[in-house]
Amino acid sequence: MAMKLNSAIFFFLVIFILLSLPQNHATNTDVEAPTPQPQPNSTFPNIHGITEGSLTPQECGPRCTARCSKTQYRKPCLFFCQKCCAKCLCVPPGTYGNKQVCPCYNNWKTKRGGPKCP
């Protein structure tokens, strides 16, 4: 008799749990998706002076000063940066790398084939 009672209680508990599961997981959550923000066209917000031919020769000095600000070889960096800027009229952004945005600056090589522009 006790075995039948335990089985009946267990059966009703299982039924109760199974019937209550859909109620717990069927909650309605109305969450609106955030509206997408417009993205800038390039990774560099201000492209003046970055694209080839966009600088005037007078603007080369400040751009090269910023480009060479973190090197320990400041004098040669400034010399070659200004030489490259005078020819290409652009200086890549940042203190290192990013030469792909200014092909002339990137492709000008030394006699040995190394990069001419810092």
PDB file of N, CA and C in Angstrom:
ATOM      1  N   MET A   1       0.823  -1.187   0.000  1.00  0.00           N
ATOM      2  CA  MET A   1       0.000   0.000   0.000  1.00  0.00           C
ATOM      3  C   MET A   1       0.870   1.255   0.000  1.00  0.00           C
ATOM      4  N   ALA A   2       1.907   1.261   0.809  1.00  0.00           N
ATOM      5  CA  ALA A   2       2.798   2.411   0.868  1.00  0.00           C
ATOM      6  C   ALA A   2       3.498   2.603  -0.467  1.00  0.00           C
ATOM      7  N   MET A   3       3.800   1.500  -1.159  1.00  0.00           N
ATOM      8  CA  MET A   3       4.465   1.566  -2.460  1.00  0.00           C
ATOM      9  C   MET A   3       3.557   2.228  -3.488  1.00  0.00           C
ATOM     10  N   LYS A   4       2.252   1.884  -3.470  1.00  0.00           N
ATOM     11  CA  LYS A   4       1.300   2.487  -4.399  1.00  0.00           C
ATOM     12  C   LYS A   4       1.136   3.974  -4.103  1.00  0.00           C
ATOM     13  N   LEU A   5       1.120   4.343  -2.817  1.00  0.00           N
ATOM     14  CA  LEU A   5       0.972   5.738  -2.424  1.00  0.00           C
ATOM     15  C   LEU A   5       2.185   6.555  -2.871  1.00  0.00           C
ATOM     16  N   ASN A   6       3.390   6.009  -2.667  1.00  0.00           N
ATOM     17  CA  ASN A   6       4.606   6.695  -3.107  1.00  0.00           C
ATOM     18  C   ASN A   6       4.633   6.846  -4.624  1.00  0.00           C
ATOM     19  N   SER A   7       4.209   5.817  -5.342  1.00  0.00           N
ATOM     20  CA  SER A   7       4.175   5.876  -6.809  1.00  0.00           C
ATOM     21  C   SER A   7       3.169   6.913  -7.283  1.00  0.00           C
ATOM     22  N   ALA A   8       2.031   6.989  -6.636  1.00  0.00           N
ATOM     23  CA  ALA A   8       0.999   7.946  -7.022  1.00  0.00           C
ATOM     24  C   ALA A   8       1.473   9.375  -6.762  1.00  0.00           C
ATOM     25  N   ILE A   9       2.109   9.602  -5.622  1.00  0.00           N
ATOM     26  CA  ILE A   9       2.627  10.939  -5.304  1.00  0.00           C
ATOM     27  C   ILE A   9       3.711  11.328  -6.304  1.00  0.00           C
ATOM     28  N   PHE A  10       4.604  10.395  -6.598  1.00  0.00           N
ATOM     29  CA  PHE A  10       5.670  10.656  -7.568  1.00  0.00           C
ATOM     30  C   PHE A  10       5.083  10.984  -8.943  1.00  0.00           C
ATOM     31  N   PHE A  11       4.068  10.212  -9.356  1.00  0.00           N
ATOM     32  CA  PHE A  11       3.415  10.429 -10.650  1.00  0.00           C
ATOM     33  C   PHE A  11       2.786  11.822 -10.711  1.00  0.00           C
ATOM     34  N   PHE A  12       2.082  12.230  -9.667  1.00  0.00           N
ATOM     35  CA  PHE A  12       1.456  13.552  -9.645  1.00  0.00           C
ATOM     36  C   PHE A  12       2.494  14.680  -9.623  1.00  0.00           C
ATOM     37  N   LEU A  13       3.598  14.463  -8.929  1.00  0.00           N
ATOM     38  CA  LEU A  13       4.664  15.471  -8.923  1.00  0.00           C
ATOM     39  C   LEU A  13       5.270  15.642 -10.320  1.00  0.00           C
ATOM     40  N   VAL A  14       5.496  14.534 -10.996  1.00  0.00           N
ATOM     41  CA  VAL A  14       6.053  14.598 -12.355  1.00  0.00           C
ATOM     42  C   VAL A  14       5.083  15.322 -13.281  1.00  0.00           C
ATOM     43  N   ILE A  15       3.801  14.996 -13.199  1.00  0.00           N
ATOM     44  CA  ILE A  15       2.783  15.656 -14.022  1.00  0.00           C
ATOM     45  C   ILE A  15       2.746  17.150 -13.710  1.00  0.00           C
ATOM     46  N   PHE A  16       2.784  17.501 -12.436  1.00  0.00           N
ATOM     47  CA  PHE A  16       2.743  18.905 -12.031  1.00  0.00           C
ATOM     48  C   PHE A  16       3.952  19.669 -12.575  1.00  0.00           C
ATOM     49  N   ILE A  17       5.128  19.078 -12.477  1.00  0.00           N
ATOM     50  CA  ILE A  17       6.350  19.727 -12.974  1.00  0.00           C
ATOM     51  C   ILE A  17       6.282  19.904 -14.488  1.00  0.00           C
ATOM     52  N   LEU A  18       5.832  18.864 -15.189  1.00  0.00           N
ATOM     53  CA  LEU A  18       5.741  18.954 -16.651  1.00  0.00           C
ATOM     54  C   LEU A  18       4.722  20.002 -17.095  1.00  0.00           C
ATOM     55  N   LEU A  19       3.643  20.142 -16.362  1.00  0.00           N
ATOM     56  CA  LEU A  19       2.636  21.137 -16.723  1.00  0.00           C
ATOM     57  C   LEU A  19       3.081  22.556 -16.380  1.00  0.00           C
ATOM     58  N   SER A  20       3.926  22.707 -15.391  1.00  0.00           N
ATOM     59  CA  SER A  20       4.355  24.052 -15.006  1.00  0.00           C
ATOM     60  C   SER A  20       5.532  24.555 -15.838  1.00  0.00           C
ATOM     61  N   LEU A  21       6.251  23.681 -16.528  1.00  0.00           N
ATOM     62  CA  LEU A  21       7.396  24.106 -17.336  1.00  0.00           C
ATOM     63  C   LEU A  21       7.019  25.090 -18.440  1.00  0.00           C
ATOM     64  N   PRO A  22       6.015  24.843 -19.255  1.00  0.00           N
ATOM     65  CA  PRO A  22       5.697  25.809 -20.317  1.00  0.00           C
ATOM     66  C   PRO A  22       5.320  27.184 -19.775  1.00  0.00           C
ATOM     67  N   GLN A  23       4.732  27.243 -18.586  1.00  0.00           N
ATOM     68  CA  GLN A  23       4.374  28.530 -18.015  1.00  0.00           C
ATOM     69  C   GLN A  23       5.616  29.324 -17.630  1.00  0.00           C
ATOM     70  N   ASN A  24       6.646  28.665 -17.159  1.00  0.00           N
ATOM     71  CA  ASN A  24       7.859  29.353 -16.743  1.00  0.00           C
ATOM     72  C   ASN A  24       8.665  29.862 -17.930  1.00  0.00           C
ATOM     73  N   HIS A  25       8.678  29.130 -19.018  1.00  0.00           N
ATOM     74  CA  HIS A  25       9.520  29.484 -20.151  1.00  0.00           C
ATOM     75  C   HIS A  25       8.782  30.251 -21.236  1.00  0.00           C
ATOM     76  N   ALA A  26       7.500  30.398 -21.106  1.00  0.00           N
ATOM     77  CA  ALA A  26       6.726  31.051 -22.147  1.00  0.00           C
ATOM     78  C   ALA A  26       6.448  32.508 -21.816  1.00  0.00           C
ATOM     79  N   THR A  27       7.356  33.172 -21.152  1.00  0.00           N
ATOM     80  CA  THR A  27       7.148  34.577 -20.842  1.00  0.00           C
ATOM     81  C   THR A  27       7.392  35.410 -22.088  1.00  0.00           C
ATOM     82  N   ASN A  28       6.618  36.427 -22.261  1.00  0.00           N
ATOM     83  CA  ASN A  28       6.710  37.292 -23.429  1.00  0.00           C
ATOM     84  C   ASN A  28       7.590  38.489 -23.082  1.00  0.00           C
ATOM     85  N   THR A  29       8.703  38.616 -23.761  1.00  0.00           N
ATOM     86  CA  THR A  29       9.600  39.746 -23.524  1.00  0.00           C
ATOM     87  C   THR A  29       9.704  40.553 -24.805  1.00  0.00           C
ATOM     88  N   ASP A  30       9.112  41.712 -24.795  1.00  0.00           N
ATOM     89  CA  ASP A  30       9.170  42.600 -25.952  1.00  0.00           C
ATOM     90  C   ASP A  30      10.312  43.584 -25.754  1.00  0.00           C
ATOM     91  N   VAL A  31      11.440  43.294 -26.377  1.00  0.00           N
ATOM     92  CA  VAL A  31      12.604  44.163 -26.299  1.00  0.00           C
ATOM     93  C   VAL A  31      12.912  44.637 -27.705  1.00  0.00           C
ATOM     94  N   GLU A  32      12.934  45.944 -27.879  1.00  0.00           N
ATOM     95  CA  GLU A  32      13.237  46.488 -29.201  1.00  0.00           C
ATOM     96  C   GLU A  32      14.736  46.449 -29.452  1.00  0.00           C
ATOM     97  N   ALA A  33      15.089  46.130 -30.677  1.00  0.00           N
ATOM     98  CA  ALA A  33      16.502  46.123 -31.060  1.00  0.00           C
ATOM     99  C   ALA A  33      16.992  47.566 -31.162  1.00  0.00           C
ATOM    100  N   PRO A  34      18.245  47.814 -30.803  1.00  0.00           N
ATOM    101  CA  PRO A  34      18.766  49.180 -30.922  1.00  0.00           C
ATOM    102  C   PRO A  34      18.855  49.593 -32.388  1.00  0.00           C
ATOM    103  N   THR A  35      18.600  50.859 -32.632  1.00  0.00           N
ATOM    104  CA  THR A  35      18.669  51.342 -34.012  1.00  0.00           C
ATOM    105  C   THR A  35      20.126  51.419 -34.448  1.00  0.00           C
ATOM    106  N   PRO A  36      20.428  50.974 -35.665  1.00  0.00           N
ATOM    107  CA  PRO A  36      21.820  51.004 -36.130  1.00  0.00           C
ATOM    108  C   PRO A  36      22.306  52.428 -36.343  1.00  0.00           C
ATOM    109  N   GLN A  37      23.545  52.659 -35.976  1.00  0.00           N
ATOM    110  CA  GLN A  37      24.163  53.971 -36.140  1.00  0.00           C
ATOM    111  C   GLN A  37      24.940  54.002 -37.451  1.00  0.00           C
ATOM    112  N   PRO A  38      24.930  55.113 -38.167  1.00  0.00           N
ATOM    113  CA  PRO A  38      25.699  55.185 -39.415  1.00  0.00           C
ATOM    114  C   PRO A  38      27.191  55.095 -39.132  1.00  0.00           C
ATOM    115  N   GLN A  39      27.895  54.357 -39.973  1.00  0.00           N
ATOM    116  CA  GLN A  39      29.329  54.168 -39.827  1.00  0.00           C
ATOM    117  C   GLN A  39      30.070  55.126 -40.744  1.00  0.00           C
ATOM    118  N   PRO A  40      31.230  55.617 -40.317  1.00  0.00           N
ATOM    119  CA  PRO A  40      32.018  56.468 -41.206  1.00  0.00           C
ATOM    120  C   PRO A  40      32.533  55.651 -42.389  1.00  0.00           C
ATOM    121  N   ASN A  41      32.807  56.338 -43.497  1.00  0.00           N
ATOM    122  CA  ASN A  41      33.231  55.662 -44.714  1.00  0.00           C
ATOM    123  C   ASN A  41      34.609  55.044 -44.610  1.00  0.00           C
ATOM    124  N   SER A  42      35.471  55.552 -43.763  1.00  0.00           N
ATOM    125  CA  SER A  42      36.817  55.005 -43.653  1.00  0.00           C
ATOM    126  C   SER A  42      37.177  54.845 -42.187  1.00  0.00           C
ATOM    127  N   THR A  43      38.320  54.203 -41.949  1.00  0.00           N
ATOM    128  CA  THR A  43      38.752  54.012 -40.570  1.00  0.00           C
ATOM    129  C   THR A  43      39.361  55.284 -39.996  1.00  0.00           C
ATOM    130  N   PHE A  44      39.686  56.254 -40.831  1.00  0.00           N
ATOM    131  CA  PHE A  44      40.261  57.515 -40.382  1.00  0.00           C
ATOM    132  C   PHE A  44      39.231  58.616 -40.622  1.00  0.00           C
ATOM    133  N   PRO A  45      38.715  59.239 -39.542  1.00  0.00           N
ATOM    134  CA  PRO A  45      37.637  60.205 -39.703  1.00  0.00           C
ATOM    135  C   PRO A  45      38.015  61.433 -40.526  1.00  0.00           C
ATOM    136  N   ASN A  46      39.222  61.970 -40.377  1.00  0.00           N
ATOM    137  CA  ASN A  46      39.632  63.149 -41.124  1.00  0.00           C
ATOM    138  C   ASN A  46      40.655  62.711 -42.162  1.00  0.00           C
ATOM    139  N   ILE A  47      40.269  62.707 -43.452  1.00  0.00           N
ATOM    140  CA  ILE A  47      41.179  62.184 -44.467  1.00  0.00           C
ATOM    141  C   ILE A  47      42.022  63.275 -45.102  1.00  0.00           C
ATOM    142  N   HIS A  48      41.888  64.525 -44.664  1.00  0.00           N
ATOM    143  CA  HIS A  48      42.726  65.589 -45.211  1.00  0.00           C
ATOM    144  C   HIS A  48      44.167  65.339 -44.798  1.00  0.00           C
ATOM    145  N   GLY A  49      45.046  65.259 -45.776  1.00  0.00           N
ATOM    146  CA  GLY A  49      46.453  65.021 -45.497  1.00  0.00           C
ATOM    147  C   GLY A  49      46.829  63.558 -45.488  1.00  0.00           C
ATOM    148  N   ILE A  50      45.849  62.694 -45.527  1.00  0.00           N
ATOM    149  CA  ILE A  50      46.120  61.261 -45.521  1.00  0.00           C
ATOM    150  C   ILE A  50      46.142  60.722 -46.943  1.00  0.00           C
ATOM    151  N   THR A  51      45.202  61.162 -47.757  1.00  0.00           N
ATOM    152  CA  THR A  51      45.159  60.669 -49.134  1.00  0.00           C
ATOM    153  C   THR A  51      46.185  61.403 -49.976  1.00  0.00           C
ATOM    154  N   GLU A  52      46.672  60.715 -50.989  1.00  0.00           N
ATOM    155  CA  GLU A  52      47.746  61.249 -51.818  1.00  0.00           C
ATOM    156  C   GLU A  52      47.339  62.561 -52.490  1.00  0.00           C
ATOM    157  N   GLY A  53      48.204  63.566 -52.375  1.00  0.00           N
ATOM    158  CA  GLY A  53      47.978  64.864 -53.008  1.00  0.00           C
ATOM    159  C   GLY A  53      47.043  65.788 -52.264  1.00  0.00           C
ATOM    160  N   SER A  54      46.652  65.442 -51.037  1.00  0.00           N
ATOM    161  CA  SER A  54      45.678  66.271 -50.325  1.00  0.00           C
ATOM    162  C   SER A  54      46.315  67.341 -49.443  1.00  0.00           C
ATOM    163  N   LEU A  55      47.644  67.355 -49.330  1.00  0.00           N
ATOM    164  CA  LEU A  55      48.329  68.379 -48.538  1.00  0.00           C
ATOM    165  C   LEU A  55      48.948  69.431 -49.448  1.00  0.00           C
ATOM    166  N   THR A  56      49.175  70.593 -48.876  1.00  0.00           N
ATOM    167  CA  THR A  56      50.003  71.592 -49.553  1.00  0.00           C
ATOM    168  C   THR A  56      51.399  71.470 -48.946  1.00  0.00           C
ATOM    169  N   PRO A  57      52.448  71.901 -49.645  1.00  0.00           N
ATOM    170  CA  PRO A  57      53.804  71.771 -49.094  1.00  0.00           C
ATOM    171  C   PRO A  57      53.977  72.440 -47.728  1.00  0.00           C
ATOM    172  N   GLN A  58      53.215  73.495 -47.447  1.00  0.00           N
ATOM    173  CA  GLN A  58      53.332  74.178 -46.154  1.00  0.00           C
ATOM    174  C   GLN A  58      52.805  73.313 -45.003  1.00  0.00           C
ATOM    175  N   GLU A  59      51.945  72.370 -45.297  1.00  0.00           N
ATOM    176  CA  GLU A  59      51.361  71.533 -44.247  1.00  0.00           C
ATOM    177  C   GLU A  59      52.224  70.320 -43.895  1.00  0.00           C
ATOM    178  N   CYS A  60      53.307  70.101 -44.631  1.00  0.00           N
ATOM    179  CA  CYS A  60      54.152  68.924 -44.390  1.00  0.00           C
ATOM    180  C   CYS A  60      54.855  68.975 -43.041  1.00  0.00           C
ATOM    181  N   GLY A  61      55.329  70.149 -42.630  1.00  0.00           N
ATOM    182  CA  GLY A  61      56.073  70.274 -41.375  1.00  0.00           C
ATOM    183  C   GLY A  61      55.316  69.763 -40.167  1.00  0.00           C
ATOM    184  N   PRO A  62      54.109  70.283 -39.905  1.00  0.00           N
ATOM    185  CA  PRO A  62      53.361  69.807 -38.730  1.00  0.00           C
ATOM    186  C   PRO A  62      52.985  68.325 -38.814  1.00  0.00           C
ATOM    187  N   ARG A  63      52.657  67.863 -40.016  1.00  0.00           N
ATOM    188  CA  ARG A  63      52.298  66.446 -40.167  1.00  0.00           C
ATOM    189  C   ARG A  63      53.498  65.550 -39.881  1.00  0.00           C
ATOM    190  N   CYS A  64      54.670  65.944 -40.372  1.00  0.00           N
ATOM    191  CA  CYS A  64      55.878  65.144 -40.134  1.00  0.00           C
ATOM    192  C   CYS A  64      56.311  65.217 -38.672  1.00  0.00           C
ATOM    193  N   THR A  65      56.109  66.357 -38.042  1.00  0.00           N
ATOM    194  CA  THR A  65      56.428  66.469 -36.615  1.00  0.00           C
ATOM    195  C   THR A  65      55.583  65.483 -35.815  1.00  0.00           C
ATOM    196  N   ALA A  66      54.307  65.383 -36.151  1.00  0.00           N
ATOM    197  CA  ALA A  66      53.431  64.427 -35.466  1.00  0.00           C
ATOM    198  C   ALA A  66      53.831  62.991 -35.804  1.00  0.00           C
ATOM    199  N   ARG A  67      54.171  62.736 -37.067  1.00  0.00           N
ATOM    200  CA  ARG A  67      54.551  61.385 -37.504  1.00  0.00           C
ATOM    201  C   ARG A  67      55.815  60.906 -36.786  1.00  0.00           C
ATOM    202  N   CYS A  68      56.777  61.789 -36.592  1.00  0.00           N
ATOM    203  CA  CYS A  68      58.076  61.418 -36.013  1.00  0.00           C
ATOM    204  C   CYS A  68      58.156  61.676 -34.510  1.00  0.00           C
ATOM    205  N   SER A  69      57.039  61.950 -33.859  1.00  0.00           N
ATOM    206  CA  SER A  69      57.058  62.358 -32.450  1.00  0.00           C
ATOM    207  C   SER A  69      57.513  61.263 -31.488  1.00  0.00           C
ATOM    208  N   LYS A  70      57.388  59.994 -31.841  1.00  0.00           N
ATOM    209  CA  LYS A  70      57.724  58.932 -30.889  1.00  0.00           C
ATOM    210  C   LYS A  70      58.989  58.166 -31.247  1.00  0.00           C
ATOM    211  N   THR A  71      59.726  58.604 -32.255  1.00  0.00           N
ATOM    212  CA  THR A  71      60.942  57.885 -32.619  1.00  0.00           C
ATOM    213  C   THR A  71      62.142  58.442 -31.870  1.00  0.00           C
ATOM    214  N   GLN A  72      63.146  57.610 -31.668  1.00  0.00           N
ATOM    215  CA  GLN A  72      64.361  58.114 -31.040  1.00  0.00           C
ATOM    216  C   GLN A  72      65.316  58.676 -32.089  1.00  0.00           C
ATOM    217  N   TYR A  73      65.014  58.467 -33.381  1.00  0.00           N
ATOM    218  CA  TYR A  73      65.816  59.013 -34.486  1.00  0.00           C
ATOM    219  C   TYR A  73      65.031  60.152 -35.132  1.00  0.00           C
ATOM    220  N   ARG A  74      64.792  61.194 -34.377  1.00  0.00           N
ATOM    221  CA  ARG A  74      63.898  62.273 -34.799  1.00  0.00           C
ATOM    222  C   ARG A  74      64.409  63.038 -36.016  1.00  0.00           C
ATOM    223  N   LYS A  75      65.701  63.400 -36.033  1.00  0.00           N
ATOM    224  CA  LYS A  75      66.228  64.203 -37.139  1.00  0.00           C
ATOM    225  C   LYS A  75      66.130  63.488 -38.484  1.00  0.00           C
ATOM    226  N   PRO A  76      66.631  62.252 -38.611  1.00  0.00           N
ATOM    227  CA  PRO A  76      66.493  61.583 -39.909  1.00  0.00           C
ATOM    228  C   PRO A  76      65.037  61.302 -40.270  1.00  0.00           C
ATOM    229  N   CYS A  77      64.211  61.021 -39.275  1.00  0.00           N
ATOM    230  CA  CYS A  77      62.788  60.788 -39.545  1.00  0.00           C
ATOM    231  C   CYS A  77      62.153  62.034 -40.141  1.00  0.00           C
ATOM    232  N   LEU A  78      62.400  63.187 -39.524  1.00  0.00           N
ATOM    233  CA  LEU A  78      61.842  64.443 -40.042  1.00  0.00           C
ATOM    234  C   LEU A  78      62.382  64.759 -41.431  1.00  0.00           C
ATOM    235  N   PHE A  79      63.671  64.526 -41.655  1.00  0.00           N
ATOM    236  CA  PHE A  79      64.282  64.817 -42.951  1.00  0.00           C
ATOM    237  C   PHE A  79      63.601  64.012 -44.058  1.00  0.00           C
ATOM    238  N   PHE A  80      63.505  62.703 -43.865  1.00  0.00           N
ATOM    239  CA  PHE A  80      62.925  61.860 -44.909  1.00  0.00           C
ATOM    240  C   PHE A  80      61.409  62.014 -45.001  1.00  0.00           C
ATOM    241  N   CYS A  81      60.752  62.240 -43.888  1.00  0.00           N
ATOM    242  CA  CYS A  81      59.306  62.466 -43.922  1.00  0.00           C
ATOM    243  C   CYS A  81      58.978  63.711 -44.736  1.00  0.00           C
ATOM    244  N   GLN A  82      59.731  64.797 -44.515  1.00  0.00           N
ATOM    245  CA  GLN A  82      59.471  66.028 -45.264  1.00  0.00           C
ATOM    246  C   GLN A  82      59.811  65.862 -46.737  1.00  0.00           C
ATOM    247  N   LYS A  83      60.842  65.086 -47.034  1.00  0.00           N
ATOM    248  CA  LYS A  83      61.198  64.808 -48.422  1.00  0.00           C
ATOM    249  C   LYS A  83      60.068  64.023 -49.108  1.00  0.00           C
ATOM    250  N   CYS A  84      59.557  63.022 -48.424  1.00  0.00           N
ATOM    251  CA  CYS A  84      58.466  62.210 -48.970  1.00  0.00           C
ATOM    252  C   CYS A  84      57.181  63.021 -49.090  1.00  0.00           C
ATOM    253  N   CYS A  85      56.912  63.853 -48.108  1.00  0.00           N
ATOM    254  CA  CYS A  85      55.704  64.673 -48.141  1.00  0.00           C
ATOM    255  C   CYS A  85      55.765  65.682 -49.274  1.00  0.00           C
ATOM    256  N   ALA A  86      56.952  66.242 -49.532  1.00  0.00           N
ATOM    257  CA  ALA A  86      57.091  67.204 -50.629  1.00  0.00           C
ATOM    258  C   ALA A  86      56.795  66.542 -51.970  1.00  0.00           C
ATOM    259  N   LYS A  87      57.158  65.273 -52.109  1.00  0.00           N
ATOM    260  CA  LYS A  87      56.913  64.562 -53.364  1.00  0.00           C
ATOM    261  C   LYS A  87      55.475  64.054 -53.445  1.00  0.00           C
ATOM    262  N   CYS A  88      54.992  63.433 -52.375  1.00  0.00           N
ATOM    263  CA  CYS A  88      53.688  62.752 -52.398  1.00  0.00           C
ATOM    264  C   CYS A  88      52.520  63.631 -51.949  1.00  0.00           C
ATOM    265  N   LEU A  89      52.810  64.683 -51.201  1.00  0.00           N
ATOM    266  CA  LEU A  89      51.794  65.575 -50.622  1.00  0.00           C
ATOM    267  C   LEU A  89      50.797  64.823 -49.742  1.00  0.00           C
ATOM    268  N   CYS A  90      51.313  63.861 -49.000  1.00  0.00           N
ATOM    269  CA  CYS A  90      50.508  63.187 -47.980  1.00  0.00           C
ATOM    270  C   CYS A  90      51.443  62.577 -46.945  1.00  0.00           C
ATOM    271  N   VAL A  91      50.937  62.409 -45.737  1.00  0.00           N
ATOM    272  CA  VAL A  91      51.661  61.756 -44.648  1.00  0.00           C
ATOM    273  C   VAL A  91      50.669  60.803 -43.996  1.00  0.00           C
ATOM    274  N   PRO A  92      51.031  59.516 -43.853  1.00  0.00           N
ATOM    275  CA  PRO A  92      50.099  58.570 -43.223  1.00  0.00           C
ATOM    276  C   PRO A  92      49.772  58.973 -41.785  1.00  0.00           C
ATOM    277  N   PRO A  93      48.586  58.629 -41.299  1.00  0.00           N
ATOM    278  CA  PRO A  93      48.206  58.986 -39.930  1.00  0.00           C
ATOM    279  C   PRO A  93      48.971  58.161 -38.906  1.00  0.00           C
ATOM    280  N   GLY A  94      49.109  58.700 -37.725  1.00  0.00           N
ATOM    281  CA  GLY A  94      49.762  57.980 -36.639  1.00  0.00           C
ATOM    282  C   GLY A  94      51.266  58.134 -36.675  1.00  0.00           C
ATOM    283  N   THR A  95      51.921  57.475 -35.736  1.00  0.00           N
ATOM    284  CA  THR A  95      53.372  57.585 -35.629  1.00  0.00           C
ATOM    285  C   THR A  95      54.093  56.429 -36.300  1.00  0.00           C
ATOM    286  N   TYR A  96      53.360  55.394 -36.708  1.00  0.00           N
ATOM    287  CA  TYR A  96      53.992  54.230 -37.313  1.00  0.00           C
ATOM    288  C   TYR A  96      52.960  53.489 -38.159  1.00  0.00           C
ATOM    289  N   GLY A  97      53.412  52.909 -39.277  1.00  0.00           N
ATOM    290  CA  GLY A  97      52.519  52.100 -40.102  1.00  0.00           C
ATOM    291  C   GLY A  97      51.518  52.940 -40.873  1.00  0.00           C
ATOM    292  N   ASN A  98      50.406  52.356 -41.244  1.00  0.00           N
ATOM    293  CA  ASN A  98      49.312  52.987 -41.994  1.00  0.00           C
ATOM    294  C   ASN A  98      49.754  53.516 -43.356  1.00  0.00           C
ATOM    295  N   LYS A  99      50.859  53.020 -43.896  1.00  0.00           N
ATOM    296  CA  LYS A  99      51.367  53.532 -45.169  1.00  0.00           C
ATOM    297  C   LYS A  99      50.467  53.173 -46.346  1.00  0.00           C
ATOM    298  N   GLN A 100      49.589  52.203 -46.188  1.00  0.00           N
ATOM    299  CA  GLN A 100      48.733  51.774 -47.287  1.00  0.00           C
ATOM    300  C   GLN A 100      47.772  52.868 -47.746  1.00  0.00           C
ATOM    301  N   VAL A 101      47.514  53.867 -46.920  1.00  0.00           N
ATOM    302  CA  VAL A 101      46.594  54.938 -47.315  1.00  0.00           C
ATOM    303  C   VAL A 101      47.258  55.953 -48.236  1.00  0.00           C
ATOM    304  N   CYS A 102      48.567  55.922 -48.334  1.00  0.00           N
ATOM    305  CA  CYS A 102      49.309  56.848 -49.196  1.00  0.00           C
ATOM    306  C   CYS A 102      50.269  56.019 -50.060  1.00  0.00           C
ATOM    307  N   PRO A 103      49.822  55.538 -51.226  1.00  0.00           N
ATOM    308  CA  PRO A 103      50.641  54.629 -52.037  1.00  0.00           C
ATOM    309  C   PRO A 103      51.996  55.202 -52.434  1.00  0.00           C
ATOM    310  N   CYS A 104      52.069  56.479 -52.781  1.00  0.00           N
ATOM    311  CA  CYS A 104      53.342  57.093 -53.169  1.00  0.00           C
ATOM    312  C   CYS A 104      54.325  57.010 -52.009  1.00  0.00           C
ATOM    313  N   TYR A 105      53.868  57.335 -50.826  1.00  0.00           N
ATOM    314  CA  TYR A 105      54.681  57.301 -49.608  1.00  0.00           C
ATOM    315  C   TYR A 105      55.134  55.872 -49.327  1.00  0.00           C
ATOM    316  N   ASN A 106      54.254  54.924 -49.577  1.00  0.00           N
ATOM    317  CA  ASN A 106      54.535  53.515 -49.306  1.00  0.00           C
ATOM    318  C   ASN A 106      55.485  52.904 -50.332  1.00  0.00           C
ATOM    319  N   ASN A 107      55.383  53.299 -51.591  1.00  0.00           N
ATOM    320  CA  ASN A 107      56.118  52.634 -52.669  1.00  0.00           C
ATOM    321  C   ASN A 107      57.464  53.264 -52.999  1.00  0.00           C
ATOM    322  N   TRP A 108      57.796  54.408 -52.433  1.00  0.00           N
ATOM    323  CA  TRP A 108      59.083  55.044 -52.722  1.00  0.00           C
ATOM    324  C   TRP A 108      60.162  54.286 -51.953  1.00  0.00           C
ATOM    325  N   LYS A 109      61.125  53.701 -52.678  1.00  0.00           N
ATOM    326  CA  LYS A 109      62.139  52.834 -52.079  1.00  0.00           C
ATOM    327  C   LYS A 109      63.535  53.434 -52.220  1.00  0.00           C
ATOM    328  N   THR A 110      64.453  52.971 -51.374  1.00  0.00           N
ATOM    329  CA  THR A 110      65.860  53.366 -51.469  1.00  0.00           C
ATOM    330  C   THR A 110      66.528  52.546 -52.570  1.00  0.00           C
ATOM    331  N   LYS A 111      67.804  52.843 -52.834  1.00  0.00           N
ATOM    332  CA  LYS A 111      68.545  52.087 -53.850  1.00  0.00           C
ATOM    333  C   LYS A 111      68.625  50.608 -53.486  1.00  0.00           C
ATOM    334  N   ARG A 112      68.647  50.326 -52.207  1.00  0.00           N
ATOM    335  CA  ARG A 112      68.733  48.935 -51.740  1.00  0.00           C
ATOM    336  C   ARG A 112      67.374  48.240 -51.691  1.00  0.00           C
ATOM    337  N   GLY A 113      66.305  48.964 -51.949  1.00  0.00           N
ATOM    338  CA  GLY A 113      64.969  48.369 -51.946  1.00  0.00           C
ATOM    339  C   GLY A 113      64.207  48.516 -50.649  1.00  0.00           C
ATOM    340  N   GLY A 114      64.797  49.199 -49.679  1.00  0.00           N
ATOM    341  CA  GLY A 114      64.106  49.420 -48.407  1.00  0.00           C
ATOM    342  C   GLY A 114      63.160  50.609 -48.495  1.00  0.00           C
ATOM    343  N   PRO A 115      62.314  50.801 -47.515  1.00  0.00           N
ATOM    344  CA  PRO A 115      61.389  51.937 -47.544  1.00  0.00           C
ATOM    345  C   PRO A 115      62.127  53.257 -47.350  1.00  0.00           C
ATOM    346  N   LYS A 116      61.807  54.237 -48.172  1.00  0.00           N
ATOM    347  CA  LYS A 116      62.451  55.549 -48.066  1.00  0.00           C
ATOM    348  C   LYS A 116      61.730  56.422 -47.035  1.00  0.00           C
ATOM    349  N   CYS A 117      60.433  56.286 -46.974  1.00  0.00           N
ATOM    350  CA  CYS A 117      59.626  57.173 -46.125  1.00  0.00           C
ATOM    351  C   CYS A 117      59.320  56.518 -44.776  1.00  0.00           C
ATOM    352  N   PRO A 118      59.453  57.303 -43.685  1.00  0.00           N
ATOM    353  CA  PRO A 118      59.199  56.740 -42.344  1.00  0.00           C
ATOM    354  C   PRO A 118      57.715  56.567 -42.045  1.00  0.00           C
TER     355      PRO A 118
END
